[in-house]
Amino acid sequence: MLACDHYPVKLQSAKAARVPHFAHPCYRRSVDPLYDRVLAYIADASADHFEPLALAVFRHQFEHSLPYQRFCLSRGASPERVADWQDIPAVPIVAFKRAALCCGPARRLFRSSGTTAGSETRSRHLLPEPRLYQTSALTGLRQGLFPDQPRMRMVSLIAPVAALPESSLAQMVAWGLAEFGAADSGYVADADGLDVEALIETLHGSEGDGRPLAILTTTGALIRVFDALIARRLTFRLPHGSRLMDTGGAKGAPRQLSRNGLLHAVWRTFAIPGYFCVNEYGMAELSSQYYDSPIADRVRGRHAQRRKLVPHWARVSVLDPISLAPQPPGMPGVLRHVDLANAGSALAVLSEDLGMVIGNGFELLGRVPGAEMRGCSLTAAAWSSDTPPSAVLPA
């Protein structure tokens, strides 16, 4: 028996935890209204309030995710003791590699990007209610990339879901093409890589007919496109309103390029100005994304420093990487996310990324240096031998 002073809980054995109680009608009657409440709030900020909703989701995860319940109890946290969203225990990234963080039978599985170390080192994000991710992804795209355009021609340098079935990014792009793409939108990448000639044809088409084009790409693929077009001595003057979203950093890139360098290269290559370029920051462990602010600011007539905007259904805190105490304004620290769209998995996530608050958003500064991660490492140690990965996807 493990217990908090005010919340005695008898923990189930691992075998008992696999009993499919999620199929019981009482479970569905209790869970569906909570997920619907979160969905309504993501779609409309006036539909609810963040803190009571976050506390309701925390209770749900405490009661229905055995690995997370154990983690909370080891820290003396329970729904009776936590009255502030900032006190909800955050799981480190490593928890997604070592435990099945899911509050019901998973209907979708996403993994973090591949590594040569093997699949056991990749995070697994199990989703019992994919609508949460879909609604969050589409609302985020609308706010960050398409606040002024209901539909436009789009081209993706990210392969489709059929080629990347466990990629949350590929799924987000697929939903985005269906929701915001004109009829002639599509992909110029597949399982074999990027089709540069098809991309060139698309770029020439947009130049010729005057219709704006939205380019969705990873940063690494974009740098490869720059090099390919330089080799062909090609540049383009895309119509006004064209835009670009890049994501993922320089993973897989042939060379490094600073953010300012990348924005200059986008202007030289496509004639897309910096105020129509947004970098997306997302994680396989989260169901929400953060977009650079220029397009949203421009639509609102606001002039402000470029920053990552935080959607109304999420909160980002900057913590000291050693003590995990909140950092004062203007000081860098490790990013802690509270994402209501993660209602079916893990609401609060401690990243390994360094950032700093800027206005109503934040700036991403890179990875937390290993020598400065003592607090993060202590949190991660709680998962070193907790719950071994187990498959919860239905056969």
Protein backbone atom coordinates (compact mmCIF):
# COMPACT_ATOMS: atom_id res chain seq x y z
CA MET A 1 0.00 0.00 0.00
CA LEU A 2 1.31 3.42 -1.04
CA ALA A 3 -0.61 6.41 0.17
CA CYS A 4 -0.64 10.16 0.54
CA ASP A 5 -1.97 11.52 3.82
CA HIS A 6 -5.28 12.52 2.30
CA TYR A 7 -5.54 10.08 -0.58
CA PRO A 8 -4.99 6.43 0.29
CA VAL A 9 -4.76 4.43 -2.91
CA LYS A 10 -4.29 0.69 -3.29
CA LEU A 11 -2.09 0.25 -6.31
CA GLN A 12 -2.98 -2.55 -8.69
CA SER A 13 -0.50 -5.18 -9.74
CA ALA A 14 0.81 -4.92 -13.30
CA LYS A 15 -1.34 -7.93 -14.20
CA ALA A 16 -4.46 -6.40 -12.66
CA ALA A 17 -3.76 -3.11 -14.42
CA ARG A 18 -4.25 -4.84 -17.77
CA VAL A 19 -7.85 -5.75 -16.99
CA PRO A 20 -9.93 -4.03 -19.72
CA HIS A 21 -12.04 -1.98 -17.31
CA PHE A 22 -11.94 0.84 -19.89
CA ALA A 23 -14.70 -0.93 -21.79
CA HIS A 24 -17.09 -0.58 -18.86
CA PRO A 25 -20.01 1.80 -19.63
CA CYS A 26 -19.34 3.77 -16.43
CA TYR A 27 -15.83 4.57 -17.65
CA ARG A 28 -17.08 5.86 -20.99
CA ARG A 29 -19.78 7.95 -19.30
CA SER A 30 -17.16 9.61 -17.11
CA VAL A 31 -14.47 10.07 -19.78
CA ASP A 32 -16.42 11.21 -22.82
CA PRO A 33 -17.77 14.40 -21.18
CA LEU A 34 -14.24 15.33 -20.04
CA TYR A 35 -12.73 14.86 -23.49
CA ASP A 36 -15.66 16.72 -25.05
CA ARG A 37 -15.09 19.55 -22.58
CA VAL A 38 -11.42 19.76 -23.61
CA LEU A 39 -12.34 19.67 -27.30
CA ALA A 40 -14.83 22.50 -26.83
CA TYR A 41 -12.21 24.59 -25.03
CA ILE A 42 -9.58 24.04 -27.74
CA ALA A 43 -12.09 25.15 -30.37
CA ASP A 44 -13.30 28.15 -28.34
CA ALA A 45 -11.39 29.76 -25.47
CA SER A 46 -14.63 31.16 -24.04
CA ALA A 47 -16.08 27.66 -23.58
CA ASP A 48 -14.22 26.95 -20.32
CA HIS A 49 -11.36 28.02 -18.06
CA PHE A 50 -7.86 26.59 -18.13
CA GLU A 51 -7.15 25.83 -14.48
CA PRO A 52 -10.31 23.92 -13.50
CA LEU A 53 -10.07 21.97 -16.73
CA ALA A 54 -6.39 21.16 -16.12
CA LEU A 55 -7.18 19.95 -12.60
CA ALA A 56 -10.02 17.76 -13.92
CA VAL A 57 -7.66 16.23 -16.49
CA PHE A 58 -5.05 15.67 -13.78
CA ARG A 59 -7.57 13.76 -11.68
CA HIS A 60 -8.54 11.68 -14.70
CA GLN A 61 -4.92 10.77 -15.42
CA PHE A 62 -4.18 10.05 -11.75
CA GLU A 63 -7.12 7.65 -11.59
CA HIS A 64 -6.66 5.90 -14.95
CA SER A 65 -2.89 5.82 -15.63
CA LEU A 66 -1.17 3.49 -13.17
CA PRO A 67 2.44 4.54 -14.05
CA TYR A 68 1.53 8.20 -13.63
CA GLN A 69 -0.32 7.52 -10.36
CA ARG A 70 2.79 5.84 -8.95
CA PHE A 71 4.92 8.78 -10.06
CA CYS A 72 2.57 11.30 -8.40
CA LEU A 73 2.34 9.33 -5.14
CA SER A 74 6.12 9.09 -4.93
CA ARG A 75 6.09 12.90 -4.85
CA GLY A 76 3.21 13.25 -2.42
CA ALA A 77 0.88 14.60 -5.11
CA SER A 78 -2.78 13.71 -5.54
CA PRO A 79 -5.95 15.45 -6.78
CA GLU A 80 -6.74 16.39 -3.15
CA ARG A 81 -3.35 18.04 -2.70
CA VAL A 82 -2.92 19.78 -6.04
CA ALA A 83 -4.98 22.96 -6.36
CA ASP A 84 -2.86 24.87 -8.90
CA TRP A 85 -2.05 23.78 -12.46
CA GLN A 86 1.58 24.72 -11.88
CA ASP A 87 1.83 22.02 -9.19
CA ILE A 88 0.68 19.16 -11.44
CA PRO A 89 3.63 16.72 -11.55
CA ALA A 90 5.33 16.79 -14.95
CA VAL A 91 6.70 13.61 -16.46
CA PRO A 92 10.10 13.81 -18.19
CA ILE A 93 10.55 12.78 -21.81
CA VAL A 94 12.14 9.50 -20.73
CA ALA A 95 8.79 8.42 -19.22
CA PHE A 96 7.36 8.07 -22.73
CA LYS A 97 10.15 5.59 -23.50
CA ARG A 98 9.70 3.43 -20.41
CA ALA A 99 6.01 3.43 -19.56
CA ALA A 100 2.65 3.18 -21.28
CA LEU A 101 1.22 6.60 -20.39
CA CYS A 102 -2.34 6.13 -21.56
CA CYS A 103 -5.73 6.49 -19.87
CA GLY A 104 -7.52 3.94 -22.03
CA PRO A 105 -7.03 1.62 -25.00
CA ALA A 106 -4.84 3.48 -27.49
CA ARG A 107 -6.35 4.13 -30.91
CA ARG A 108 -3.21 5.77 -32.34
CA LEU A 109 0.49 5.41 -31.62
CA PHE A 110 3.08 8.04 -32.51
CA ARG A 111 6.82 7.68 -32.00
CA SER A 112 9.61 10.22 -31.79
CA SER A 113 11.99 10.46 -34.73
CA GLY A 114 14.14 7.43 -35.53
CA THR A 115 17.55 6.76 -34.10
CA THR A 116 20.33 4.28 -34.78
CA ALA A 117 20.16 3.18 -31.13
CA GLY A 118 16.98 1.22 -31.76
CA SER A 119 13.24 1.57 -31.27
CA GLU A 120 13.50 1.14 -27.49
CA THR A 121 15.05 4.62 -27.23
CA ARG A 122 12.13 6.30 -29.02
CA SER A 123 9.26 7.90 -27.18
CA ARG A 124 5.83 6.31 -27.67
CA HIS A 125 2.82 8.59 -27.44
CA LEU A 126 -0.36 6.53 -27.05
CA LEU A 127 -3.63 8.30 -27.84
CA PRO A 128 -6.98 6.92 -26.63
CA GLU A 129 -8.85 9.86 -28.24
CA PRO A 130 -7.17 11.04 -31.50
CA ARG A 131 -9.73 13.84 -31.88
CA LEU A 132 -7.83 15.76 -29.21
CA TYR A 133 -4.69 15.81 -31.34
CA GLN A 134 -6.61 16.50 -34.55
CA THR A 135 -8.52 19.46 -33.09
CA SER A 136 -5.39 20.88 -31.49
CA ALA A 137 -3.33 20.45 -34.68
CA LEU A 138 -5.89 22.10 -36.94
CA THR A 139 -6.64 24.96 -34.52
CA GLY A 140 -2.91 25.57 -34.12
CA LEU A 141 -2.35 25.63 -37.89
CA ARG A 142 -5.25 28.02 -38.33
CA GLN A 143 -3.90 30.41 -35.71
CA GLY A 144 -0.22 30.21 -36.62
CA LEU A 145 -0.07 29.63 -40.39
CA PHE A 146 -3.48 30.32 -41.93
CA PRO A 147 -5.21 33.06 -39.87
CA ASP A 148 -5.91 35.00 -43.09
CA GLN A 149 -6.58 32.17 -45.55
CA PRO A 150 -9.43 29.64 -45.35
CA ARG A 151 -7.79 27.59 -48.13
CA MET A 152 -4.74 27.90 -50.39
CA ARG A 153 -2.47 25.78 -52.52
CA MET A 154 -0.08 23.78 -50.31
CA VAL A 155 2.93 21.60 -51.04
CA SER A 156 4.44 19.28 -48.46
CA LEU A 157 8.10 18.29 -48.38
CA ILE A 158 7.11 15.95 -45.54
CA ALA A 159 6.13 12.44 -46.66
CA PRO A 160 2.50 11.29 -46.28
CA VAL A 161 1.15 9.13 -43.48
CA ALA A 162 1.34 6.00 -45.63
CA ALA A 163 5.14 6.39 -45.67
CA LEU A 164 5.42 7.56 -42.04
CA PRO A 165 2.52 5.91 -40.16
CA GLU A 166 4.00 6.57 -36.69
CA SER A 167 4.89 10.23 -37.32
CA SER A 168 2.69 12.79 -35.57
CA LEU A 169 4.13 15.42 -37.94
CA ALA A 170 3.06 13.47 -41.03
CA GLN A 171 -0.43 13.10 -39.56
CA MET A 172 -0.63 16.81 -38.75
CA VAL A 173 0.35 17.70 -42.33
CA ALA A 174 -2.24 15.28 -43.74
CA TRP A 175 -4.98 16.88 -41.67
CA GLY A 176 -3.71 20.32 -42.67
CA LEU A 177 -3.80 19.52 -46.40
CA ALA A 178 -7.35 18.22 -46.08
CA GLU A 179 -8.56 21.21 -44.04
CA PHE A 180 -6.69 24.15 -45.60
CA GLY A 181 -5.38 22.89 -48.95
CA ALA A 182 -6.80 23.83 -52.34
CA ALA A 183 -7.65 21.03 -54.75
CA ASP A 184 -4.19 21.05 -56.37
CA SER A 185 -2.32 20.71 -53.06
CA GLY A 186 -0.12 17.68 -52.52
CA TYR A 187 3.20 16.07 -51.65
CA VAL A 188 6.60 16.17 -53.32
CA ALA A 189 8.07 13.61 -50.90
CA ASP A 190 7.48 9.92 -50.25
CA ALA A 191 9.20 6.98 -48.56
CA ASP A 192 12.09 7.30 -51.04
CA GLY A 193 12.76 10.95 -50.24
CA LEU A 194 12.21 14.35 -51.83
CA ASP A 195 11.22 14.78 -55.50
CA VAL A 196 13.02 18.02 -56.35
CA GLU A 197 11.78 18.08 -59.94
CA ALA A 198 8.15 17.86 -58.79
CA LEU A 199 8.80 20.70 -56.36
CA ILE A 200 10.33 22.84 -59.12
CA GLU A 201 7.25 22.21 -61.28
CA THR A 202 4.98 23.30 -58.41
CA LEU A 203 7.04 26.45 -57.81
CA HIS A 204 6.95 27.36 -61.51
CA GLY A 205 3.18 26.79 -61.49
CA SER A 206 2.64 29.21 -58.63
CA GLU A 207 4.89 31.79 -60.29
CA GLY A 208 2.96 31.44 -63.51
CA ASP A 209 -0.65 31.60 -62.31
CA GLY A 210 -0.14 34.11 -59.47
CA ARG A 211 -1.75 31.95 -56.80
CA PRO A 212 0.06 31.96 -53.45
CA LEU A 213 1.73 28.76 -52.27
CA ALA A 214 2.26 27.42 -48.74
CA ILE A 215 5.38 25.26 -48.33
CA LEU A 216 5.43 22.81 -45.41
CA THR A 217 8.83 21.28 -44.72
CA THR A 218 11.33 20.09 -42.18
CA THR A 219 14.27 22.44 -41.71
CA GLY A 220 16.68 19.77 -42.88
CA ALA A 221 14.75 19.15 -46.10
CA LEU A 222 14.53 22.90 -46.75
CA ILE A 223 18.32 23.28 -46.56
CA ARG A 224 18.69 20.39 -49.03
CA VAL A 225 16.27 22.20 -51.37
CA PHE A 226 18.37 25.38 -51.15
CA ASP A 227 21.45 23.41 -52.20
CA ALA A 228 19.61 21.62 -55.02
CA LEU A 229 18.26 24.89 -56.45
CA ILE A 230 21.62 26.62 -56.13
CA ALA A 231 23.16 23.77 -58.14
CA ARG A 232 20.50 24.35 -60.83
CA ARG A 233 20.88 28.15 -60.60
CA LEU A 234 17.17 28.51 -59.92
CA THR A 235 15.28 31.09 -57.89
CA PHE A 236 11.57 31.87 -57.80
CA ARG A 237 9.32 34.88 -57.21
CA LEU A 238 6.29 33.37 -55.52
CA PRO A 239 3.13 35.51 -55.35
CA HIS A 240 2.45 37.73 -52.35
CA GLY A 241 0.78 35.80 -49.55
CA SER A 242 2.91 32.70 -50.11
CA ARG A 243 4.29 31.34 -46.87
CA LEU A 244 6.59 28.73 -45.41
CA MET A 245 6.48 26.55 -42.31
CA ASP A 246 9.59 24.65 -41.28
CA THR A 247 10.05 22.35 -38.31
CA GLY A 248 12.39 19.88 -36.65
CA GLY A 249 15.62 21.85 -36.54
CA ALA A 250 18.58 20.84 -38.68
CA LYS A 251 18.20 17.07 -38.19
CA GLY A 252 19.27 15.39 -41.41
CA ALA A 253 20.53 18.66 -42.91
CA PRO A 254 23.77 18.66 -44.91
CA ARG A 255 24.93 21.79 -43.06
CA GLN A 256 23.97 24.16 -40.28
CA LEU A 257 22.12 27.39 -41.00
CA SER A 258 21.16 30.02 -38.44
CA ARG A 259 17.57 31.18 -38.19
CA ASN A 260 18.46 34.56 -39.75
CA GLY A 261 20.44 32.77 -42.44
CA LEU A 262 17.48 30.54 -43.21
CA LEU A 263 15.09 33.50 -43.46
CA HIS A 264 17.46 35.26 -45.86
CA ALA A 265 17.75 32.08 -47.95
CA VAL A 266 13.95 31.76 -48.12
CA TRP A 267 13.71 35.33 -49.40
CA ARG A 268 16.48 34.84 -51.98
CA THR A 269 15.11 31.49 -53.19
CA PHE A 270 11.33 31.96 -53.08
CA ALA A 271 10.79 35.71 -52.47
CA ILE A 272 8.84 34.84 -49.32
CA PRO A 273 9.47 37.60 -46.73
CA GLY A 274 10.32 36.81 -43.13
CA TYR A 275 6.90 37.89 -41.91
CA PHE A 276 5.40 35.00 -43.87
CA CYS A 277 7.82 32.41 -42.45
CA VAL A 278 7.04 30.48 -39.28
CA ASN A 279 9.03 27.84 -37.49
CA GLU A 280 6.94 25.20 -35.73
CA TYR A 281 8.11 23.66 -32.45
CA GLY A 282 6.50 20.37 -31.56
CA MET A 283 7.31 17.12 -29.81
CA ALA A 284 6.07 13.58 -30.31
CA GLU A 285 5.17 13.64 -26.61
CA LEU A 286 2.81 16.62 -27.00
CA SER A 287 -0.47 16.99 -28.90
CA SER A 288 -0.06 20.74 -29.40
CA GLN A 289 2.42 22.80 -31.38
CA TYR A 290 3.93 26.25 -31.01
CA TYR A 291 4.31 28.53 -34.03
CA ASP A 292 6.39 31.63 -34.62
CA SER A 293 4.33 34.79 -34.26
CA PRO A 294 4.88 36.88 -37.47
CA ILE A 295 1.81 35.85 -39.48
CA ALA A 296 -0.54 36.01 -36.49
CA ASP A 297 0.92 39.39 -35.46
CA ARG A 298 0.63 40.75 -39.00
CA VAL A 299 -3.04 39.77 -39.28
CA ARG A 300 -3.74 41.52 -35.96
CA GLY A 301 -1.77 44.62 -36.96
CA ARG A 302 0.70 44.01 -34.15
CA HIS A 303 4.44 44.76 -34.29
CA ALA A 304 6.33 42.62 -31.82
CA GLN A 305 9.44 40.50 -31.46
CA ARG A 306 9.37 37.07 -33.11
CA ARG A 307 8.46 34.44 -30.52
CA LYS A 308 6.71 31.10 -30.17
CA LEU A 309 3.03 31.66 -29.40
CA VAL A 310 1.40 29.46 -26.75
CA PRO A 311 -2.13 28.33 -27.64
CA HIS A 312 -4.81 29.10 -25.07
CA TRP A 313 -5.21 25.41 -24.16
CA ALA A 314 -1.54 25.08 -23.13
CA ARG A 315 0.87 26.70 -20.69
CA VAL A 316 4.67 26.88 -20.83
CA SER A 317 6.82 27.49 -17.75
CA VAL A 318 10.57 28.18 -17.69
CA LEU A 319 12.33 26.33 -14.86
CA ASP A 320 15.82 26.24 -13.44
CA PRO A 321 17.29 22.98 -14.84
CA ILE A 322 18.95 22.14 -11.51
CA SER A 323 16.28 23.00 -8.93
CA LEU A 324 13.24 22.97 -11.29
CA ALA A 325 12.11 26.19 -9.57
CA PRO A 326 10.46 28.86 -11.78
CA GLN A 327 12.96 31.17 -13.41
CA PRO A 328 12.55 34.95 -13.11
CA PRO A 329 11.50 36.81 -16.28
CA GLY A 330 14.29 37.16 -18.80
CA MET A 331 16.25 34.15 -17.54
CA PRO A 332 16.62 30.99 -19.65
CA GLY A 333 15.59 27.61 -18.31
CA VAL A 334 14.13 24.22 -19.16
CA LEU A 335 10.64 24.27 -20.69
CA ARG A 336 7.75 22.60 -18.88
CA HIS A 337 4.55 22.11 -20.90
CA VAL A 338 0.98 21.68 -19.67
CA ASP A 339 -1.04 20.62 -22.71
CA LEU A 340 -4.76 19.96 -22.35
CA ALA A 341 -4.76 18.17 -25.71
CA ASN A 342 -2.72 15.48 -23.92
CA ALA A 343 -5.78 14.68 -21.80
CA GLY A 344 -5.56 10.99 -22.66
CA SER A 345 -1.83 10.55 -22.01
CA ALA A 346 0.27 12.94 -19.90
CA LEU A 347 -0.95 16.47 -19.28
CA ALA A 348 2.31 17.91 -17.89
CA VAL A 349 5.61 17.20 -19.66
CA LEU A 350 9.12 18.28 -18.68
CA SER A 351 11.14 18.78 -21.86
CA GLU A 352 14.89 18.77 -22.39
CA ASP A 353 14.72 22.06 -24.30
CA LEU A 354 15.98 25.43 -23.17
CA GLY A 355 13.88 28.56 -23.59
CA MET A 356 13.12 32.03 -22.33
CA VAL A 357 9.87 33.95 -21.93
CA ILE A 358 9.28 36.74 -24.45
CA GLY A 359 6.06 38.71 -24.00
CA ASN A 360 3.13 36.31 -24.31
CA GLY A 361 5.33 33.59 -25.80
CA PHE A 362 8.82 32.17 -25.59
CA GLU A 363 12.04 31.80 -27.52
CA LEU A 364 13.53 28.37 -28.07
CA LEU A 365 17.26 28.36 -27.26
CA GLY A 366 18.26 24.75 -27.90
CA ARG A 367 18.88 21.73 -25.69
CA VAL A 368 19.62 21.97 -21.99
CA PRO A 369 23.36 21.28 -21.49
CA GLY A 370 23.91 17.89 -19.86
CA ALA A 371 25.93 19.33 -17.00
CA GLU A 372 23.04 21.62 -16.07
CA MET A 373 20.29 19.01 -16.05
CA ARG A 374 20.63 17.74 -12.48
CA GLY A 375 17.01 18.48 -11.55
CA CYS A 376 15.71 17.01 -14.81
CA SER A 377 17.87 13.92 -14.33
CA LEU A 378 16.54 13.34 -10.82
CA THR A 379 13.01 13.46 -12.20
CA ALA A 380 13.92 11.08 -15.01
CA ALA A 381 15.50 8.65 -12.54
CA ALA A 382 12.03 7.89 -11.15
CA TRP A 383 11.29 6.11 -14.43
CA SER A 384 14.52 4.12 -14.67
CA SER A 385 12.85 0.88 -13.62
CA ASP A 386 9.20 1.82 -13.22
CA THR A 387 6.93 0.30 -15.77
CA PRO A 388 8.44 -1.55 -18.75
CA PRO A 389 7.04 -0.59 -22.15
CA SER A 390 3.91 -2.57 -22.91
CA ALA A 391 1.67 -2.66 -25.94
CA VAL A 392 -1.79 -1.26 -25.29
CA LEU A 393 -2.86 -0.91 -28.89
CA PRO A 394 -5.70 -3.26 -29.74
CA ALA A 395 -4.79 -6.13 -32.05
